PDB file of all heavy atoms in Angstrom:
ATOM      1  N   ALA A   1      -3.945  16.758  -1.892  1.00  0.00           N
ATOM      2  CA  ALA A   1      -4.149  17.570  -3.099  1.00  0.00           C
ATOM      3  C   ALA A   1      -4.211  16.690  -4.351  1.00  0.00           C
ATOM      4  O   ALA A   1      -4.840  17.060  -5.341  1.00  0.00           O
ATOM      5  CB  ALA A   1      -3.037  18.599  -3.238  1.00  0.00           C
ATOM      6  N   LYS A   2      -3.552  15.529  -4.291  1.00  0.00           N
ATOM      7  CA  LYS A   2      -3.522  14.617  -5.435  1.00  0.00           C
ATOM      8  C   LYS A   2      -4.425  13.402  -5.232  1.00  0.00           C
ATOM      9  O   LYS A   2      -4.451  12.500  -6.067  1.00  0.00           O
ATOM     10  CB  LYS A   2      -2.091  14.151  -5.705  1.00  0.00           C
ATOM     11  CG  LYS A   2      -1.153  15.261  -6.131  1.00  0.00           C
ATOM     12  CD  LYS A   2       0.231  14.741  -6.443  1.00  0.00           C
ATOM     13  CE  LYS A   2       1.141  15.861  -6.907  1.00  0.00           C
ATOM     14  NZ  LYS A   2       2.513  15.372  -7.196  1.00  0.00           N
ATOM     15  N   ASN A   3      -5.125  13.340  -4.097  1.00  0.00           N
ATOM     16  CA  ASN A   3      -5.976  12.184  -3.794  1.00  0.00           C
ATOM     17  C   ASN A   3      -5.201  10.876  -3.909  1.00  0.00           C
ATOM     18  O   ASN A   3      -5.700   9.883  -4.455  1.00  0.00           O
ATOM     19  CB  ASN A   3      -7.197  12.141  -4.714  1.00  0.00           C
ATOM     20  CG  ASN A   3      -8.235  13.180  -4.362  1.00  0.00           C
ATOM     21  OD1 ASN A   3      -8.051  13.978  -3.449  1.00  0.00           O
ATOM     22  ND2 ASN A   3      -9.330  13.195  -5.099  1.00  0.00           N
ATOM     23  N   THR A   4      -3.997  10.888  -3.388  1.00  0.00           N
ATOM     24  CA  THR A   4      -3.106   9.745  -3.565  1.00  0.00           C
ATOM     25  C   THR A   4      -2.448   9.357  -2.239  1.00  0.00           C
ATOM     26  O   THR A   4      -2.045  10.224  -1.463  1.00  0.00           O
ATOM     27  CB  THR A   4      -2.021  10.051  -4.614  1.00  0.00           C
ATOM     28  OG1 THR A   4      -2.654  10.349  -5.863  1.00  0.00           O
ATOM     29  CG2 THR A   4      -1.086   8.861  -4.810  1.00  0.00           C
ATOM     30  N   VAL A   5      -2.360   8.051  -2.017  1.00  0.00           N
ATOM     31  CA  VAL A   5      -1.628   7.519  -0.877  1.00  0.00           C
ATOM     32  C   VAL A   5      -0.447   6.717  -1.418  1.00  0.00           C
ATOM     33  O   VAL A   5      -0.555   6.072  -2.470  1.00  0.00           O
ATOM     34  CB  VAL A   5      -2.535   6.658   0.031  1.00  0.00           C
ATOM     35  CG1 VAL A   5      -3.120   5.463  -0.704  1.00  0.00           C
ATOM     36  CG2 VAL A   5      -1.811   6.237   1.288  1.00  0.00           C
ATOM     37  N   TYR A   6       0.656   6.778  -0.711  1.00  0.00           N
ATOM     38  CA  TYR A   6       1.897   6.148  -1.150  1.00  0.00           C
ATOM     39  C   TYR A   6       2.379   5.130  -0.115  1.00  0.00           C
ATOM     40  O   TYR A   6       2.066   5.222   1.072  1.00  0.00           O
ATOM     41  CB  TYR A   6       2.991   7.194  -1.348  1.00  0.00           C
ATOM     42  CG  TYR A   6       2.623   8.298  -2.301  1.00  0.00           C
ATOM     43  CD1 TYR A   6       2.150   9.522  -1.825  1.00  0.00           C
ATOM     44  CD2 TYR A   6       2.757   8.127  -3.678  1.00  0.00           C
ATOM     45  CE1 TYR A   6       1.808  10.540  -2.698  1.00  0.00           C
ATOM     46  CE2 TYR A   6       2.420   9.147  -4.553  1.00  0.00           C
ATOM     47  CZ  TYR A   6       1.948  10.348  -4.059  1.00  0.00           C
ATOM     48  OH  TYR A   6       1.613  11.356  -4.932  1.00  0.00           O
ATOM     49  N   LEU A   7       3.173   4.192  -0.611  1.00  0.00           N
ATOM     50  CA  LEU A   7       3.870   3.277   0.278  1.00  0.00           C
ATOM     51  C   LEU A   7       5.305   3.157  -0.228  1.00  0.00           C
ATOM     52  O   LEU A   7       5.550   2.545  -1.278  1.00  0.00           O
ATOM     53  CB  LEU A   7       3.208   1.903   0.320  1.00  0.00           C
ATOM     54  CG  LEU A   7       3.789   0.933   1.356  1.00  0.00           C
ATOM     55  CD1 LEU A   7       3.497   1.434   2.773  1.00  0.00           C
ATOM     56  CD2 LEU A   7       3.237  -0.480   1.174  1.00  0.00           C
ATOM     57  N   GLN A   8       6.216   3.797   0.480  1.00  0.00           N
ATOM     58  CA  GLN A   8       7.638   3.694   0.161  1.00  0.00           C
ATOM     59  C   GLN A   8       8.183   2.461   0.859  1.00  0.00           C
ATOM     60  O   GLN A   8       8.077   2.345   2.094  1.00  0.00           O
ATOM     61  CB  GLN A   8       8.386   4.945   0.624  1.00  0.00           C
ATOM     62  CG  GLN A   8       9.882   4.890   0.394  1.00  0.00           C
ATOM     63  CD  GLN A   8      10.249   4.912  -1.072  1.00  0.00           C
ATOM     64  OE1 GLN A   8       9.685   5.666  -1.861  1.00  0.00           O
ATOM     65  NE2 GLN A   8      11.204   4.073  -1.452  1.00  0.00           N
ATOM     66  N   MET A   9       8.745   1.556   0.084  1.00  0.00           N
ATOM     67  CA  MET A   9       9.221   0.286   0.628  1.00  0.00           C
ATOM     68  C   MET A   9      10.725   0.193   0.399  1.00  0.00           C
ATOM     69  O   MET A   9      11.183   0.174  -0.757  1.00  0.00           O
ATOM     70  CB  MET A   9       8.510  -0.882  -0.043  1.00  0.00           C
ATOM     71  CG  MET A   9       6.998  -0.805   0.028  1.00  0.00           C
ATOM     72  SD  MET A   9       6.157  -2.253  -0.610  1.00  0.00           S
ATOM     73  CE  MET A   9       6.653  -2.164  -2.326  1.00  0.00           C
ATOM     74  N   ASN A  10      11.485   0.195   1.485  1.00  0.00           N
ATOM     75  CA  ASN A  10      12.935   0.092   1.431  1.00  0.00           C
ATOM     76  C   ASN A  10      13.403  -1.220   2.051  1.00  0.00           C
ATOM     77  O   ASN A  10      12.640  -1.882   2.762  1.00  0.00           O
ATOM     78  CB  ASN A  10      13.566   1.273   2.170  1.00  0.00           C
ATOM     79  CG  ASN A  10      13.218   2.608   1.568  1.00  0.00           C
ATOM     80  OD1 ASN A  10      12.992   2.730   0.355  1.00  0.00           O
ATOM     81  ND2 ASN A  10      13.152   3.627   2.408  1.00  0.00           N
ATOM     82  N   SER A  11      14.641  -1.563   1.790  1.00  0.00           N
ATOM     83  CA  SER A  11      15.241  -2.784   2.348  1.00  0.00           C
ATOM     84  C   SER A  11      14.313  -3.984   2.151  1.00  0.00           C
ATOM     85  O   SER A  11      14.052  -4.761   3.085  1.00  0.00           O
ATOM     86  CB  SER A  11      15.535  -2.585   3.843  1.00  0.00           C
ATOM     87  OG  SER A  11      16.401  -1.486   4.045  1.00  0.00           O
ATOM     88  N   LEU A  12      13.840  -4.132   0.937  1.00  0.00           N
ATOM     89  CA  LEU A  12      12.874  -5.184   0.659  1.00  0.00           C
ATOM     90  C   LEU A  12      13.489  -6.571   0.833  1.00  0.00           C
ATOM     91  O   LEU A  12      14.679  -6.790   0.562  1.00  0.00           O
ATOM     92  CB  LEU A  12      12.320  -5.026  -0.756  1.00  0.00           C
ATOM     93  CG  LEU A  12      11.254  -3.926  -0.880  1.00  0.00           C
ATOM     94  CD1 LEU A  12      11.088  -3.487  -2.319  1.00  0.00           C
ATOM     95  CD2 LEU A  12       9.938  -4.399  -0.301  1.00  0.00           C
ATOM     96  N   LYS A  13      12.627  -7.486   1.292  1.00  0.00           N
ATOM     97  CA  LYS A  13      13.030  -8.864   1.550  1.00  0.00           C
ATOM     98  C   LYS A  13      12.184  -9.805   0.689  1.00  0.00           C
ATOM     99  O   LYS A  13      11.057  -9.443   0.324  1.00  0.00           O
ATOM    100  CB  LYS A  13      12.815  -9.212   3.023  1.00  0.00           C
ATOM    101  CG  LYS A  13      13.509  -8.287   4.002  1.00  0.00           C
ATOM    102  CD  LYS A  13      13.127  -8.634   5.438  1.00  0.00           C
ATOM    103  CE  LYS A  13      13.784  -7.700   6.425  1.00  0.00           C
ATOM    104  NZ  LYS A  13      13.422  -8.045   7.831  1.00  0.00           N
ATOM    105  N   PRO A  14      12.680 -10.997   0.410  1.00  0.00           N
ATOM    106  CA  PRO A  14      11.861 -11.943  -0.368  1.00  0.00           C
ATOM    107  C   PRO A  14      10.488 -12.191   0.263  1.00  0.00           C
ATOM    108  O   PRO A  14       9.499 -12.398  -0.468  1.00  0.00           O
ATOM    109  CB  PRO A  14      12.711 -13.211  -0.368  1.00  0.00           C
ATOM    110  CG  PRO A  14      14.116 -12.707  -0.286  1.00  0.00           C
ATOM    111  CD  PRO A  14      14.031 -11.501   0.625  1.00  0.00           C
ATOM    112  N   GLU A  15      10.405 -12.137   1.565  1.00  0.00           N
ATOM    113  CA  GLU A  15       9.123 -12.365   2.242  1.00  0.00           C
ATOM    114  C   GLU A  15       8.144 -11.205   2.079  1.00  0.00           C
ATOM    115  O   GLU A  15       6.989 -11.307   2.479  1.00  0.00           O
ATOM    116  CB  GLU A  15       9.317 -12.677   3.730  1.00  0.00           C
ATOM    117  CG  GLU A  15      10.182 -11.693   4.473  1.00  0.00           C
ATOM    118  CD  GLU A  15      11.623 -12.161   4.593  1.00  0.00           C
ATOM    119  OE1 GLU A  15      12.184 -12.660   3.585  1.00  0.00           O
ATOM    120  OE2 GLU A  15      12.190 -11.993   5.700  1.00  0.00           O
ATOM    121  N   ASP A  16       8.583 -10.114   1.477  1.00  0.00           N
ATOM    122  CA  ASP A  16       7.676  -9.013   1.142  1.00  0.00           C
ATOM    123  C   ASP A  16       6.942  -9.274  -0.175  1.00  0.00           C
ATOM    124  O   ASP A  16       6.050  -8.507  -0.547  1.00  0.00           O
ATOM    125  CB  ASP A  16       8.440  -7.690   1.035  1.00  0.00           C
ATOM    126  CG  ASP A  16       9.026  -7.241   2.362  1.00  0.00           C
ATOM    127  OD1 ASP A  16       8.335  -7.359   3.392  1.00  0.00           O
ATOM    128  OD2 ASP A  16      10.184  -6.759   2.356  1.00  0.00           O
ATOM    129  N   THR A  17       7.314 -10.326  -0.870  1.00  0.00           N
ATOM    130  CA  THR A  17       6.662 -10.665  -2.132  1.00  0.00           C
ATOM    131  C   THR A  17       5.173 -10.930  -1.910  1.00  0.00           C
ATOM    132  O   THR A  17       4.791 -11.752  -1.073  1.00  0.00           O
ATOM    133  CB  THR A  17       7.309 -11.908  -2.759  1.00  0.00           C
ATOM    134  OG1 THR A  17       8.660 -11.587  -3.122  1.00  0.00           O
ATOM    135  CG2 THR A  17       6.552 -12.365  -3.996  1.00  0.00           C
ATOM    136  N   ALA A  18       4.333 -10.193  -2.639  1.00  0.00           N
ATOM    137  CA  ALA A  18       2.884 -10.291  -2.466  1.00  0.00           C
ATOM    138  C   ALA A  18       2.199  -9.373  -3.474  1.00  0.00           C
ATOM    139  O   ALA A  18       2.866  -8.558  -4.124  1.00  0.00           O
ATOM    140  CB  ALA A  18       2.475  -9.878  -1.046  1.00  0.00           C
ATOM    141  N   VAL A  19       0.890  -9.502  -3.549  1.00  0.00           N
ATOM    142  CA  VAL A  19       0.081  -8.492  -4.231  1.00  0.00           C
ATOM    143  C   VAL A  19      -0.312  -7.462  -3.176  1.00  0.00           C
ATOM    144  O   VAL A  19      -0.824  -7.828  -2.110  1.00  0.00           O
ATOM    145  CB  VAL A  19      -1.161  -9.105  -4.887  1.00  0.00           C
ATOM    146  CG1 VAL A  19      -1.990  -8.018  -5.565  1.00  0.00           C
ATOM    147  CG2 VAL A  19      -0.752 -10.162  -5.912  1.00  0.00           C
ATOM    148  N   TYR A  20      -0.049  -6.216  -3.472  1.00  0.00           N
ATOM    149  CA  TYR A  20      -0.338  -5.129  -2.544  1.00  0.00           C
ATOM    150  C   TYR A  20      -1.614  -4.411  -2.986  1.00  0.00           C
ATOM    151  O   TYR A  20      -1.757  -4.053  -4.161  1.00  0.00           O
ATOM    152  CB  TYR A  20       0.841  -4.158  -2.494  1.00  0.00           C
ATOM    153  CG  TYR A  20       1.994  -4.704  -1.692  1.00  0.00           C
ATOM    154  CD1 TYR A  20       2.769  -5.749  -2.183  1.00  0.00           C
ATOM    155  CD2 TYR A  20       2.298  -4.201  -0.427  1.00  0.00           C
ATOM    156  CE1 TYR A  20       3.818  -6.274  -1.439  1.00  0.00           C
ATOM    157  CE2 TYR A  20       3.344  -4.715   0.320  1.00  0.00           C
ATOM    158  CZ  TYR A  20       4.096  -5.757  -0.190  1.00  0.00           C
ATOM    159  OH  TYR A  20       5.132  -6.274   0.552  1.00  0.00           O
ATOM    160  N   TYR A  21      -2.496  -4.203  -2.009  1.00  0.00           N
ATOM    161  CA  TYR A  21      -3.799  -3.604  -2.271  1.00  0.00           C
ATOM    162  C   TYR A  21      -3.981  -2.328  -1.473  1.00  0.00           C
ATOM    163  O   TYR A  21      -3.648  -2.272  -0.275  1.00  0.00           O
ATOM    164  CB  TYR A  21      -4.920  -4.559  -1.878  1.00  0.00           C
ATOM    165  CG  TYR A  21      -4.967  -5.841  -2.658  1.00  0.00           C
ATOM    166  CD1 TYR A  21      -4.297  -6.970  -2.204  1.00  0.00           C
ATOM    167  CD2 TYR A  21      -5.699  -5.928  -3.838  1.00  0.00           C
ATOM    168  CE1 TYR A  21      -4.356  -8.165  -2.915  1.00  0.00           C
ATOM    169  CE2 TYR A  21      -5.753  -7.116  -4.552  1.00  0.00           C
ATOM    170  CZ  TYR A  21      -5.074  -8.225  -4.080  1.00  0.00           C
ATOM    171  OH  TYR A  21      -5.137  -9.404  -4.790  1.00  0.00           O
ATOM    172  N   CYS A  22      -4.584  -1.353  -2.105  1.00  0.00           N
ATOM    173  CA  CYS A  22      -5.006  -0.125  -1.452  1.00  0.00           C
ATOM    174  C   CYS A  22      -6.439  -0.334  -0.960  1.00  0.00           C
ATOM    175  O   CYS A  22      -7.251  -0.966  -1.644  1.00  0.00           O
ATOM    176  CB  CYS A  22      -4.939   1.011  -2.479  1.00  0.00           C
ATOM    177  SG  CYS A  22      -5.444   2.612  -1.893  1.00  0.00           S
ATOM    178  N   ASN A  23      -6.731   0.204   0.212  1.00  0.00           N
ATOM    179  CA  ASN A  23      -8.053   0.014   0.816  1.00  0.00           C
ATOM    180  C   ASN A  23      -8.561   1.332   1.378  1.00  0.00           C
ATOM    181  O   ASN A  23      -7.810   2.070   2.025  1.00  0.00           O
ATOM    182  CB  ASN A  23      -7.968  -1.024   1.923  1.00  0.00           C
ATOM    183  CG  ASN A  23      -9.219  -1.085   2.776  1.00  0.00           C
ATOM    184  OD1 ASN A  23      -9.263  -0.559   3.886  1.00  0.00           O
ATOM    185  ND2 ASN A  23     -10.243  -1.732   2.261  1.00  0.00           N
ATOM    186  N   ALA A  24      -9.854   1.590   1.141  1.00  0.00           N
ATOM    187  CA  ALA A  24     -10.501   2.791   1.661  1.00  0.00           C
ATOM    188  C   ALA A  24     -11.835   2.389   2.269  1.00  0.00           C
ATOM    189  O   ALA A  24     -12.809   2.151   1.532  1.00  0.00           O
ATOM    190  CB  ALA A  24     -10.707   3.807   0.539  1.00  0.00           C
ATOM    191  N   PRO A  25     -11.898   2.311   3.585  1.00  0.00           N
ATOM    192  CA  PRO A  25     -13.185   2.050   4.224  1.00  0.00           C
ATOM    193  C   PRO A  25     -14.021   3.324   4.240  1.00  0.00           C
ATOM    194  O   PRO A  25     -13.477   4.426   4.430  1.00  0.00           O
ATOM    195  CB  PRO A  25     -12.791   1.632   5.641  1.00  0.00           C
ATOM    196  CG  PRO A  25     -11.474   2.286   5.876  1.00  0.00           C
ATOM    197  CD  PRO A  25     -10.801   2.426   4.551  1.00  0.00           C
ATOM    198  N   ARG A  26     -15.329   3.178   4.013  1.00  0.00           N
ATOM    199  CA  ARG A  26     -16.201   4.346   4.052  1.00  0.00           C
ATOM    200  C   ARG A  26     -17.557   3.890   4.569  1.00  0.00           C
ATOM    201  O   ARG A  26     -18.296   3.225   3.858  1.00  0.00           O
ATOM    202  CB  ARG A  26     -16.335   4.992   2.668  1.00  0.00           C
ATOM    203  CG  ARG A  26     -17.071   6.323   2.694  1.00  0.00           C
ATOM    204  CD  ARG A  26     -17.218   6.928   1.315  1.00  0.00           C
ATOM    205  NE  ARG A  26     -18.165   6.183   0.485  1.00  0.00           N
ATOM    206  CZ  ARG A  26     -18.580   6.583  -0.704  1.00  0.00           C
ATOM    207  NH1 ARG A  26     -18.129   7.714  -1.214  1.00  0.00           N
ATOM    208  NH2 ARG A  26     -19.433   5.859  -1.411  1.00  0.00           N
ATOM    209  N   GLY A  27     -17.860   4.265   5.784  1.00  0.00           N
ATOM    210  CA  GLY A  27     -19.115   3.827   6.372  1.00  0.00           C
ATOM    211  C   GLY A  27     -19.183   2.315   6.426  1.00  0.00           C
ATOM    212  O   GLY A  27     -18.283   1.665   6.953  1.00  0.00           O
ATOM    213  N   CYS A  28     -20.239   1.748   5.851  1.00  0.00           N
ATOM    214  CA  CYS A  28     -20.413   0.298   5.821  1.00  0.00           C
ATOM    215  C   CYS A  28     -19.712  -0.342   4.625  1.00  0.00           C
ATOM    216  O   CYS A  28     -19.697  -1.565   4.506  1.00  0.00           O
ATOM    217  CB  CYS A  28     -21.895  -0.059   5.772  1.00  0.00           C
ATOM    218  SG  CYS A  28     -22.811   0.512   7.207  1.00  0.00           S
TER     219      CYS A  28
END
C-alpha cells in the first residue's frame, strides 16, 4: 500500500558496516 520495502536490522555487528542498496529487477 505504501510501495515500500523495509529491512529491520537487529543485533548489528561491526561487519555489517556497509552502504545498503535497494534493488528492483524488472524484465531486462
